[in-house]
Amino acid sequence: MNINDLISIIKKKIKDNISCENIKVEDKSFLHKNHKNNDESKFHIKLSIKSQELKEMDRIESNKKIYKILDEEIKNSIHSLQILIQ
């Protein structure tokens, strides 16, 4: 999967499952290119979500919800997921 397809899938899945005002998905893979175990087929993603729904949840619960929504992508295409909730 290429990064543009992955970003589109992430945005759609989040928007379909969480009430959010804004979502930003960034590819941070370039920061890890020289790491010994870097896998070029998996990406390092930074996910910034502005969501009152998530802000009202406990931090662990909100992260669990996001991980559940993106389960397939995490198994297949995401090596690292950084989550920022605003």
PDB file of N, CA and C in Angstrom:
ATOM      1  N   MET A   1       0.843  -1.176   0.000  1.00  0.00           N
ATOM      2  CA  MET A   1       0.000   0.000   0.000  1.00  0.00           C
ATOM      3  C   MET A   1       0.894   1.248   0.000  1.00  0.00           C
ATOM      4  N   ASN A   2       0.494   2.266  -0.730  1.00  0.00           N
ATOM      5  CA  ASN A   2       1.289   3.490  -0.702  1.00  0.00           C
ATOM      6  C   ASN A   2       0.738   4.438   0.366  1.00  0.00           C
ATOM      7  N   ILE A   3       1.516   5.432   0.709  1.00  0.00           N
ATOM      8  CA  ILE A   3       1.175   6.305   1.827  1.00  0.00           C
ATOM      9  C   ILE A   3      -0.097   7.112   1.563  1.00  0.00           C
ATOM     10  N   ASN A   4      -0.331   7.538   0.334  1.00  0.00           N
ATOM     11  CA  ASN A   4      -1.529   8.327   0.040  1.00  0.00           C
ATOM     12  C   ASN A   4      -2.804   7.509   0.230  1.00  0.00           C
ATOM     13  N   ASP A   5      -2.767   6.253  -0.173  1.00  0.00           N
ATOM     14  CA  ASP A   5      -3.914   5.366   0.040  1.00  0.00           C
ATOM     15  C   ASP A   5      -4.145   5.144   1.537  1.00  0.00           C
ATOM     16  N   LEU A   6      -3.062   4.928   2.257  1.00  0.00           N
ATOM     17  CA  LEU A   6      -3.171   4.698   3.695  1.00  0.00           C
ATOM     18  C   LEU A   6      -3.765   5.919   4.400  1.00  0.00           C
ATOM     19  N   ILE A   7      -3.306   7.098   4.061  1.00  0.00           N
ATOM     20  CA  ILE A   7      -3.835   8.329   4.673  1.00  0.00           C
ATOM     21  C   ILE A   7      -5.322   8.469   4.388  1.00  0.00           C
ATOM     22  N   SER A   8      -5.735   8.192   3.164  1.00  0.00           N
ATOM     23  CA  SER A   8      -7.161   8.272   2.803  1.00  0.00           C
ATOM     24  C   SER A   8      -7.997   7.288   3.611  1.00  0.00           C
ATOM     25  N   ILE A   9      -7.503   6.082   3.748  1.00  0.00           N
ATOM     26  CA  ILE A   9      -8.217   5.049   4.514  1.00  0.00           C
ATOM     27  C   ILE A   9      -8.330   5.460   5.978  1.00  0.00           C
ATOM     28  N   ILE A  10      -7.242   5.940   6.560  1.00  0.00           N
ATOM     29  CA  ILE A  10      -7.251   6.360   7.966  1.00  0.00           C
ATOM     30  C   ILE A  10      -8.271   7.471   8.172  1.00  0.00           C
ATOM     31  N   LYS A  11      -8.241   8.484   7.331  1.00  0.00           N
ATOM     32  CA  LYS A  11      -9.177   9.610   7.461  1.00  0.00           C
ATOM     33  C   LYS A  11     -10.622   9.142   7.363  1.00  0.00           C
ATOM     34  N   LYS A  12     -10.909   8.302   6.378  1.00  0.00           N
ATOM     35  CA  LYS A  12     -12.284   7.820   6.194  1.00  0.00           C
ATOM     36  C   LYS A  12     -12.756   7.009   7.398  1.00  0.00           C
ATOM     37  N   LYS A  13     -11.926   6.095   7.862  1.00  0.00           N
ATOM     38  CA  LYS A  13     -12.322   5.255   8.994  1.00  0.00           C
ATOM     39  C   LYS A  13     -12.543   6.078  10.262  1.00  0.00           C
ATOM     40  N   ILE A  14     -11.677   7.041  10.511  1.00  0.00           N
ATOM     41  CA  ILE A  14     -11.836   7.887  11.697  1.00  0.00           C
ATOM     42  C   ILE A  14     -13.113   8.713  11.577  1.00  0.00           C
ATOM     43  N   LYS A  15     -13.321   9.350  10.433  1.00  0.00           N
ATOM     44  CA  LYS A  15     -14.513  10.188  10.229  1.00  0.00           C
ATOM     45  C   LYS A  15     -15.802   9.375  10.323  1.00  0.00           C
ATOM     46  N   ASP A  16     -15.759   8.125   9.866  1.00  0.00           N
ATOM     47  CA  ASP A  16     -16.949   7.265   9.893  1.00  0.00           C
ATOM     48  C   ASP A  16     -17.281   6.756  11.297  1.00  0.00           C
ATOM     49  N   ASN A  17     -16.301   6.780  12.212  1.00  0.00           N
ATOM     50  CA  ASN A  17     -16.500   6.168  13.522  1.00  0.00           C
ATOM     51  C   ASN A  17     -16.371   7.104  14.714  1.00  0.00           C
ATOM     52  N   ILE A  18     -15.873   8.302  14.474  1.00  0.00           N
ATOM     53  CA  ILE A  18     -15.674   9.259  15.566  1.00  0.00           C
ATOM     54  C   ILE A  18     -16.178  10.627  15.115  1.00  0.00           C
ATOM     55  N   SER A  19     -16.875  11.283  15.993  1.00  0.00           N
ATOM     56  CA  SER A  19     -17.301  12.644  15.711  1.00  0.00           C
ATOM     57  C   SER A  19     -16.080  13.551  15.893  1.00  0.00           C
ATOM     58  N   CYS A  20     -15.629  14.160  14.782  1.00  0.00           N
ATOM     59  CA  CYS A  20     -14.437  15.008  14.882  1.00  0.00           C
ATOM     60  C   CYS A  20     -14.595  16.259  14.030  1.00  0.00           C
ATOM     61  N   GLU A  21     -13.994  17.320  14.510  1.00  0.00           N
ATOM     62  CA  GLU A  21     -14.039  18.589  13.798  1.00  0.00           C
ATOM     63  C   GLU A  21     -12.933  18.677  12.750  1.00  0.00           C
ATOM     64  N   ASN A  22     -11.816  18.037  13.046  1.00  0.00           N
ATOM     65  CA  ASN A  22     -10.681  18.090  12.131  1.00  0.00           C
ATOM     66  C   ASN A  22      -9.809  16.855  12.334  1.00  0.00           C
ATOM     67  N   ILE A  23      -9.179  16.416  11.257  1.00  0.00           N
ATOM     68  CA  ILE A  23      -8.250  15.292  11.340  1.00  0.00           C
ATOM     69  C   ILE A  23      -7.074  15.566  10.410  1.00  0.00           C
ATOM     70  N   LYS A  24      -5.892  15.302  10.907  1.00  0.00           N
ATOM     71  CA  LYS A  24      -4.669  15.493  10.128  1.00  0.00           C
ATOM     72  C   LYS A  24      -3.825  14.232  10.277  1.00  0.00           C
ATOM     73  N   VAL A  25      -3.400  13.689   9.148  1.00  0.00           N
ATOM     74  CA  VAL A  25      -2.590  12.477   9.143  1.00  0.00           C
ATOM     75  C   VAL A  25      -1.265  12.811   8.452  1.00  0.00           C
ATOM     76  N   GLU A  26      -0.162  12.573   9.151  1.00  0.00           N
ATOM     77  CA  GLU A  26       1.159  12.888   8.607  1.00  0.00           C
ATOM     78  C   GLU A  26       2.027  11.636   8.552  1.00  0.00           C
ATOM     79  N   ASP A  27       2.793  11.528   7.480  1.00  0.00           N
ATOM     80  CA  ASP A  27       3.761  10.452   7.337  1.00  0.00           C
ATOM     81  C   ASP A  27       5.076  10.904   7.964  1.00  0.00           C
ATOM     82  N   LYS A  28       5.483  10.237   9.030  1.00  0.00           N
ATOM     83  CA  LYS A  28       6.736  10.562   9.719  1.00  0.00           C
ATOM     84  C   LYS A  28       7.790   9.461   9.502  1.00  0.00           C
ATOM     85  N   SER A  29       7.593   8.645   8.490  1.00  0.00           N
ATOM     86  CA  SER A  29       8.495   7.521   8.228  1.00  0.00           C
ATOM     87  C   SER A  29       9.923   7.965   7.960  1.00  0.00           C
ATOM     88  N   PHE A  30      10.082   9.127   7.348  1.00  0.00           N
ATOM     89  CA  PHE A  30      11.420   9.608   7.008  1.00  0.00           C
ATOM     90  C   PHE A  30      12.314   9.758   8.238  1.00  0.00           C
ATOM     91  N   LEU A  31      11.713   9.939   9.397  1.00  0.00           N
ATOM     92  CA  LEU A  31      12.486  10.077  10.634  1.00  0.00           C
ATOM     93  C   LEU A  31      13.139   8.761  11.062  1.00  0.00           C
ATOM     94  N   HIS A  32      12.690   7.660  10.467  1.00  0.00           N
ATOM     95  CA  HIS A  32      13.131   6.336  10.907  1.00  0.00           C
ATOM     96  C   HIS A  32      13.842   5.545   9.810  1.00  0.00           C
ATOM     97  N   LYS A  33      14.112   6.172   8.681  1.00  0.00           N
ATOM     98  CA  LYS A  33      14.695   5.471   7.530  1.00  0.00           C
ATOM     99  C   LYS A  33      15.994   4.740   7.839  1.00  0.00           C
ATOM    100  N   ASN A  34      16.827   5.297   8.676  1.00  0.00           N
ATOM    101  CA  ASN A  34      18.126   4.686   8.952  1.00  0.00           C
ATOM    102  C   ASN A  34      18.131   3.745  10.151  1.00  0.00           C
ATOM    103  N   HIS A  35      16.983   3.512  10.726  1.00  0.00           N
ATOM    104  CA  HIS A  35      16.920   2.574  11.853  1.00  0.00           C
ATOM    105  C   HIS A  35      17.152   1.147  11.349  1.00  0.00           C
ATOM    106  N   LYS A  36      17.805   0.381  12.170  1.00  0.00           N
ATOM    107  CA  LYS A  36      18.223  -0.969  11.791  1.00  0.00           C
ATOM    108  C   LYS A  36      17.059  -1.844  11.324  1.00  0.00           C
ATOM    109  N   ASN A  37      15.947  -1.822  12.024  1.00  0.00           N
ATOM    110  CA  ASN A  37      14.828  -2.710  11.702  1.00  0.00           C
ATOM    111  C   ASN A  37      13.723  -2.018  10.914  1.00  0.00           C
ATOM    112  N   ASN A  38      14.044  -0.946  10.229  1.00  0.00           N
ATOM    113  CA  ASN A  38      13.037  -0.224   9.458  1.00  0.00           C
ATOM    114  C   ASN A  38      12.496  -1.097   8.320  1.00  0.00           C
ATOM    115  N   ASP A  39      11.189  -1.152   8.208  1.00  0.00           N
ATOM    116  CA  ASP A  39      10.509  -1.902   7.154  1.00  0.00           C
ATOM    117  C   ASP A  39       9.855  -0.879   6.224  1.00  0.00           C
ATOM    118  N   GLU A  40      10.316  -0.786   4.995  1.00  0.00           N
ATOM    119  CA  GLU A  40       9.812   0.232   4.067  1.00  0.00           C
ATOM    120  C   GLU A  40       8.349   0.033   3.690  1.00  0.00           C
ATOM    121  N   SER A  41       7.794  -1.124   3.967  1.00  0.00           N
ATOM    122  CA  SER A  41       6.388  -1.375   3.640  1.00  0.00           C
ATOM    123  C   SER A  41       5.444  -0.945   4.769  1.00  0.00           C
ATOM    124  N   LYS A  42       6.029  -0.505   5.894  1.00  0.00           N
ATOM    125  CA  LYS A  42       5.224  -0.043   7.023  1.00  0.00           C
ATOM    126  C   LYS A  42       5.589   1.398   7.341  1.00  0.00           C
ATOM    127  N   PHE A  43       4.584   2.152   7.778  1.00  0.00           N
ATOM    128  CA  PHE A  43       4.745   3.585   7.933  1.00  0.00           C
ATOM    129  C   PHE A  43       4.656   4.039   9.388  1.00  0.00           C
ATOM    130  N   HIS A  44       5.283   5.154   9.653  1.00  0.00           N
ATOM    131  CA  HIS A  44       5.202   5.831  10.945  1.00  0.00           C
ATOM    132  C   HIS A  44       4.225   6.979  10.750  1.00  0.00           C
ATOM    133  N   ILE A  45       3.111   6.928  11.457  1.00  0.00           N
ATOM    134  CA  ILE A  45       2.022   7.871  11.246  1.00  0.00           C
ATOM    135  C   ILE A  45       1.815   8.747  12.476  1.00  0.00           C
ATOM    136  N   LYS A  46       1.606  10.038  12.218  1.00  0.00           N
ATOM    137  CA  LYS A  46       1.201  10.968  13.272  1.00  0.00           C
ATOM    138  C   LYS A  46      -0.237  11.367  12.970  1.00  0.00           C
ATOM    139  N   LEU A  47      -1.106  11.104  13.928  1.00  0.00           N
ATOM    140  CA  LEU A  47      -2.531  11.351  13.773  1.00  0.00           C
ATOM    141  C   LEU A  47      -2.963  12.431  14.757  1.00  0.00           C
ATOM    142  N   SER A  48      -3.431  13.564  14.224  1.00  0.00           N
ATOM    143  CA  SER A  48      -3.922  14.661  15.061  1.00  0.00           C
ATOM    144  C   SER A  48      -5.423  14.786  14.837  1.00  0.00           C
ATOM    145  N   ILE A  49      -6.181  14.664  15.913  1.00  0.00           N
ATOM    146  CA  ILE A  49      -7.639  14.697  15.807  1.00  0.00           C
ATOM    147  C   ILE A  49      -8.193  15.750  16.754  1.00  0.00           C
ATOM    148  N   LYS A  50      -9.011  16.629  16.202  1.00  0.00           N
ATOM    149  CA  LYS A  50      -9.744  17.570  17.043  1.00  0.00           C
ATOM    150  C   LYS A  50     -11.139  16.987  17.213  1.00  0.00           C
ATOM    151  N   SER A  51     -11.424  16.515  18.426  1.00  0.00           N
ATOM    152  CA  SER A  51     -12.686  15.824  18.669  1.00  0.00           C
ATOM    153  C   SER A  51     -13.121  16.005  20.115  1.00  0.00           C
ATOM    154  N   GLN A  52     -14.278  16.572  20.289  1.00  0.00           N
ATOM    155  CA  GLN A  52     -14.830  16.711  21.630  1.00  0.00           C
ATOM    156  C   GLN A  52     -15.169  15.337  22.204  1.00  0.00           C
ATOM    157  N   GLU A  53     -15.642  14.451  21.348  1.00  0.00           N
ATOM    158  CA  GLU A  53     -15.970  13.084  21.766  1.00  0.00           C
ATOM    159  C   GLU A  53     -14.755  12.412  22.410  1.00  0.00           C
ATOM    160  N   LEU A  54     -13.606  12.495  21.768  1.00  0.00           N
ATOM    161  CA  LEU A  54     -12.400  11.866  22.302  1.00  0.00           C
ATOM    162  C   LEU A  54     -11.858  12.609  23.521  1.00  0.00           C
ATOM    163  N   LYS A  55     -11.981  13.919  23.527  1.00  0.00           N
ATOM    164  CA  LYS A  55     -11.493  14.697  24.670  1.00  0.00           C
ATOM    165  C   LYS A  55     -12.251  14.366  25.953  1.00  0.00           C
ATOM    166  N   GLU A  56     -13.508  13.991  25.803  1.00  0.00           N
ATOM    167  CA  GLU A  56     -14.332  13.654  26.963  1.00  0.00           C
ATOM    168  C   GLU A  56     -14.044  12.254  27.492  1.00  0.00           C
ATOM    169  N   MET A  57     -13.313  11.479  26.724  1.00  0.00           N
ATOM    170  CA  MET A  57     -12.969  10.113  27.129  1.00  0.00           C
ATOM    171  C   MET A  57     -11.646  10.111  27.887  1.00  0.00           C
ATOM    172  N   ASP A  58     -11.444   9.081  28.667  1.00  0.00           N
ATOM    173  CA  ASP A  58     -10.151   8.824  29.286  1.00  0.00           C
ATOM    174  C   ASP A  58      -9.137   8.606  28.164  1.00  0.00           C
ATOM    175  N   ARG A  59      -7.921   9.067  28.356  1.00  0.00           N
ATOM    176  CA  ARG A  59      -6.876   8.985  27.329  1.00  0.00           C
ATOM    177  C   ARG A  59      -6.674   7.544  26.825  1.00  0.00           C
ATOM    178  N   ILE A  60      -6.618   6.601  27.735  1.00  0.00           N
ATOM    179  CA  ILE A  60      -6.426   5.195  27.347  1.00  0.00           C
ATOM    180  C   ILE A  60      -7.615   4.701  26.520  1.00  0.00           C
ATOM    181  N   GLU A  61      -8.810   5.062  26.932  1.00  0.00           N
ATOM    182  CA  GLU A  61     -10.005   4.618  26.208  1.00  0.00           C
ATOM    183  C   GLU A  61     -10.065   5.217  24.803  1.00  0.00           C
ATOM    184  N   SER A  62      -9.704   6.479  24.685  1.00  0.00           N
ATOM    185  CA  SER A  62      -9.728   7.113  23.358  1.00  0.00           C
ATOM    186  C   SER A  62      -8.689   6.459  22.430  1.00  0.00           C
ATOM    187  N   ASN A  63      -7.524   6.151  22.964  1.00  0.00           N
ATOM    188  CA  ASN A  63      -6.507   5.480  22.160  1.00  0.00           C
ATOM    189  C   ASN A  63      -6.951   4.076  21.766  1.00  0.00           C
ATOM    190  N   LYS A  64      -7.580   3.364  22.692  1.00  0.00           N
ATOM    191  CA  LYS A  64      -8.096   2.024  22.386  1.00  0.00           C
ATOM    192  C   LYS A  64      -9.110   2.078  21.254  1.00  0.00           C
ATOM    193  N   LYS A  65      -9.959   3.090  21.292  1.00  0.00           N
ATOM    194  CA  LYS A  65     -10.980   3.237  20.249  1.00  0.00           C
ATOM    195  C   LYS A  65     -10.323   3.443  18.887  1.00  0.00           C
ATOM    196  N   ILE A  66      -9.325   4.293  18.832  1.00  0.00           N
ATOM    197  CA  ILE A  66      -8.613   4.556  17.574  1.00  0.00           C
ATOM    198  C   ILE A  66      -7.896   3.300  17.096  1.00  0.00           C
ATOM    199  N   TYR A  67      -7.230   2.596  18.006  1.00  0.00           N
ATOM    200  CA  TYR A  67      -6.531   1.361  17.628  1.00  0.00           C
ATOM    201  C   TYR A  67      -7.513   0.313  17.109  1.00  0.00           C
ATOM    202  N   LYS A  68      -8.671   0.240  17.693  1.00  0.00           N
ATOM    203  CA  LYS A  68      -9.676  -0.725  17.236  1.00  0.00           C
ATOM    204  C   LYS A  68     -10.161  -0.371  15.828  1.00  0.00           C
ATOM    205  N   ILE A  69     -10.388   0.905  15.583  1.00  0.00           N
ATOM    206  CA  ILE A  69     -10.840   1.362  14.268  1.00  0.00           C
ATOM    207  C   ILE A  69      -9.787   1.067  13.200  1.00  0.00           C
ATOM    208  N   LEU A  70      -8.528   1.249  13.549  1.00  0.00           N
ATOM    209  CA  LEU A  70      -7.431   1.089  12.584  1.00  0.00           C
ATOM    210  C   LEU A  70      -6.719  -0.263  12.713  1.00  0.00           C
ATOM    211  N   ASP A  71      -7.376  -1.229  13.294  1.00  0.00           N
ATOM    212  CA  ASP A  71      -6.760  -2.536  13.561  1.00  0.00           C
ATOM    213  C   ASP A  71      -6.104  -3.164  12.329  1.00  0.00           C
ATOM    214  N   GLU A  72      -6.808  -3.224  11.236  1.00  0.00           N
ATOM    215  CA  GLU A  72      -6.278  -3.857  10.022  1.00  0.00           C
ATOM    216  C   GLU A  72      -5.052  -3.105   9.500  1.00  0.00           C
ATOM    217  N   GLU A  73      -5.102  -1.782   9.507  1.00  0.00           N
ATOM    218  CA  GLU A  73      -3.978  -0.977   9.021  1.00  0.00           C
ATOM    219  C   GLU A  73      -2.758  -1.119   9.936  1.00  0.00           C
ATOM    220  N   ILE A  74      -3.009  -1.210  11.221  1.00  0.00           N
ATOM    221  CA  ILE A  74      -1.904  -1.385  12.175  1.00  0.00           C
ATOM    222  C   ILE A  74      -1.231  -2.743  11.950  1.00  0.00           C
ATOM    223  N   LYS A  75      -2.004  -3.748  11.690  1.00  0.00           N
ATOM    224  CA  LYS A  75      -1.437  -5.083  11.440  1.00  0.00           C
ATOM    225  C   LYS A  75      -0.642  -5.140  10.143  1.00  0.00           C
ATOM    226  N   ASN A  76      -1.082  -4.381   9.139  1.00  0.00           N
ATOM    227  CA  ASN A  76      -0.499  -4.544   7.812  1.00  0.00           C
ATOM    228  C   ASN A  76       0.376  -3.400   7.304  1.00  0.00           C
ATOM    229  N   SER A  77       0.088  -2.173   7.725  1.00  0.00           N
ATOM    230  CA  SER A  77       0.755  -1.043   7.080  1.00  0.00           C
ATOM    231  C   SER A  77       1.347  -0.001   8.022  1.00  0.00           C
ATOM    232  N   ILE A  78       1.011  -0.067   9.293  1.00  0.00           N
ATOM    233  CA  ILE A  78       1.487   0.952  10.227  1.00  0.00           C
ATOM    234  C   ILE A  78       2.454   0.308  11.215  1.00  0.00           C
ATOM    235  N   HIS A  79       3.646   0.856  11.289  1.00  0.00           N
ATOM    236  CA  HIS A  79       4.630   0.386  12.269  1.00  0.00           C
ATOM    237  C   HIS A  79       4.489   1.153  13.582  1.00  0.00           C
ATOM    238  N   SER A  80       4.235   2.452  13.459  1.00  0.00           N
ATOM    239  CA  SER A  80       4.163   3.308  14.629  1.00  0.00           C
ATOM    240  C   SER A  80       3.024   4.301  14.439  1.00  0.00           C
ATOM    241  N   LEU A  81       2.266   4.533  15.509  1.00  0.00           N
ATOM    242  CA  LEU A  81       1.141   5.458  15.459  1.00  0.00           C
ATOM    243  C   LEU A  81       1.220   6.412  16.639  1.00  0.00           C
ATOM    244  N   GLN A  82       1.430   7.667  16.341  1.00  0.00           N
ATOM    245  CA  GLN A  82       1.447   8.727  17.357  1.00  0.00           C
ATOM    246  C   GLN A  82       0.089   9.406  17.285  1.00  0.00           C
ATOM    247  N   ILE A  83      -0.583   9.507  18.429  1.00  0.00           N
ATOM    248  CA  ILE A  83      -1.929  10.071  18.487  1.00  0.00           C
ATOM    249  C   ILE A  83      -1.947  11.340  19.324  1.00  0.00           C
ATOM    250  N   LEU A  84      -2.437  12.414  18.729  1.00  0.00           N
ATOM    251  CA  LEU A  84      -2.626  13.681  19.438  1.00  0.00           C
ATOM    252  C   LEU A  84      -4.103  14.025  19.386  1.00  0.00           C
ATOM    253  N   ILE A  85      -4.696  14.230  20.547  1.00  0.00           N
ATOM    254  CA  ILE A  85      -6.117  14.581  20.617  1.00  0.00           C
ATOM    255  C   ILE A  85      -6.222  16.006  21.130  1.00  0.00           C
ATOM    256  N   GLN A  86      -6.947  16.810  20.390  1.00  0.00           N
ATOM    257  CA  GLN A  86      -7.101  18.220  20.754  1.00  0.00           C
ATOM    258  C   GLN A  86      -8.544  18.505  21.107  1.00  0.00           C
TER     259      GLN A  86
END
